[in-house]
Protein backbone atom coordinates (compact mmCIF):
# COMPACT_ATOMS: atom_id res chain seq x y z
CA ARG A 1 0.00 0.00 0.00
CA VAL A 2 1.21 3.49 -0.66
CA ARG A 3 0.48 5.79 2.22
CA ASN A 4 0.18 9.45 1.49
CA ALA A 5 3.36 9.78 3.54
CA LYS A 6 5.38 9.69 0.30
CA THR A 7 6.73 6.15 0.80
CA VAL A 8 5.57 2.65 -0.05
CA ALA A 9 4.54 0.79 3.11
CA TYR A 10 2.78 -2.53 2.43
CA LYS A 11 0.05 -4.20 0.37
CA VAL A 12 -3.57 -4.10 1.45
CA PRO A 13 -6.05 -6.94 0.84
CA VAL A 14 -8.68 -5.89 -1.72
CA GLN A 15 -12.35 -6.83 -1.60
CA LYS A 16 -13.61 -4.17 -4.02
CA ILE A 17 -11.80 -2.28 -6.78
CA ASP A 18 -12.31 1.46 -6.78
CA LEU A 19 -12.73 2.74 -10.33
CA ARG A 20 -12.69 6.39 -9.30
CA ALA A 21 -9.64 8.58 -9.90
CA SER A 22 -6.95 7.95 -7.27
CA TYR A 23 -3.84 9.78 -6.14
CA ALA A 24 -0.62 9.44 -4.14
CA PHE A 25 1.89 12.03 -2.99
CA PHE A 26 5.56 11.65 -3.84
CA GLU A 27 8.92 13.08 -2.93
CA TYR A 28 11.87 11.94 -5.05
CA ASN A 29 15.55 12.87 -4.93
CA VAL A 30 16.83 13.24 -8.49
CA ARG A 31 20.04 14.45 -10.18
CA THR A 32 20.38 16.45 -13.34
CA SER A 33 22.95 15.58 -16.01
CA ASP A 34 25.28 18.23 -14.53
CA ASN A 35 25.03 16.43 -11.15
CA VAL A 36 22.76 18.89 -9.31
CA GLU A 37 20.58 17.15 -6.73
CA LEU A 38 16.92 18.17 -6.64
CA VAL A 39 13.97 17.09 -4.52
CA LEU A 40 10.78 16.77 -6.57
CA GLU A 41 7.48 16.77 -4.70
CA GLY A 42 4.07 16.32 -6.21
CA THR A 43 0.99 14.20 -6.65
CA ILE A 44 0.42 11.27 -9.00
CA PHE A 45 -3.14 10.82 -10.32
CA TRP A 46 -4.44 7.68 -12.06
CA GLN A 47 -7.59 5.69 -12.68
CA VAL A 48 -8.24 1.98 -13.26
CA VAL A 49 -9.94 1.53 -16.64
CA ASP A 50 -9.40 -2.20 -17.33
CA VAL A 51 -9.84 -4.35 -14.20
CA PRO A 52 -9.02 -7.77 -15.75
CA LYS A 53 -5.82 -6.37 -17.30
CA MET A 54 -4.82 -4.75 -13.98
CA VAL A 55 -5.44 -7.96 -12.00
CA ALA A 56 -3.41 -9.99 -14.52
CA ALA A 57 -0.54 -7.49 -14.46
CA THR A 58 -0.05 -6.64 -10.77
CA GLY A 59 -0.99 -7.35 -7.19
CA ASP A 60 -0.08 -3.82 -6.14
CA PRO A 61 -1.26 -1.28 -8.72
CA LYS A 62 -0.77 1.78 -6.49
CA GLY A 63 2.80 0.73 -5.62
CA ASP A 64 3.59 -0.11 -9.25
CA ILE A 65 2.33 3.29 -10.40
CA TRP A 66 4.37 5.03 -7.69
CA TYR A 67 7.59 3.21 -8.66
CA HIS A 68 6.99 3.62 -12.41
CA ALA A 69 6.44 7.37 -12.00
CA ARG A 70 9.58 7.60 -9.84
CA SER A 71 11.67 5.76 -12.41
CA ASP A 72 10.37 7.86 -15.32
CA LEU A 73 10.95 11.17 -13.51
CA ILE A 74 14.46 10.21 -12.40
CA GLN A 75 15.32 9.15 -15.95
CA ALA A 76 13.84 12.30 -17.54
CA VAL A 77 15.58 14.69 -15.13
CA SER A 78 18.92 12.88 -15.43
CA MET A 79 19.02 13.66 -19.15
CA VAL A 80 18.90 17.47 -18.76
CA THR A 81 21.03 20.11 -17.07
CA LEU A 82 19.70 22.24 -14.22
CA GLU A 83 19.27 25.17 -16.63
CA GLU A 84 17.28 23.02 -19.08
CA PHE A 85 15.22 21.66 -16.19
CA MET A 86 14.35 25.15 -14.93
CA LYS A 87 13.41 26.35 -18.42
CA GLY A 88 11.40 23.29 -19.42
CA PHE A 89 10.06 21.63 -16.27
CA ASN A 90 6.51 21.17 -17.56
CA THR A 91 7.73 19.70 -20.87
CA ILE A 92 10.12 17.32 -19.08
CA VAL A 93 7.42 16.06 -16.72
CA ALA A 94 4.88 15.74 -19.54
CA SER A 95 7.31 13.63 -21.60
CA ALA A 96 8.03 11.43 -18.57
CA ALA A 97 4.29 10.94 -17.99
CA THR A 98 3.74 9.62 -21.51
CA THR A 99 6.13 6.68 -21.05
C-alpha cells in the first residue's frame, strides 16, 4: 500500500476495486545531467480503466504506479542540465508521464 506519507509501506487486501480517480503524494531525490541534486514533490493521479488487465498485471497497482512514475521522472531529469530543467520543467514532466 502506498500511504500518502510519500513512501511505499505494504500491500492491502482488496475486496472491491475502486474505479474512481486515485492519487498518491511523492517526494523523489533526483540528479540532473550536470550532477545537481533536486527534490521533486508532487501528486500522482491515475484511474483503473481495465480491471481484468490490472489484475493480470499486478498485485499492487498503487505501488507499481508510484515506482513507475519515480523511475520515469528520475530518468527524464537525469538527461537534462539544471538550466534546461528550470526552463522546461513542464515539458520534461509531460514527456516522462507519456512513457
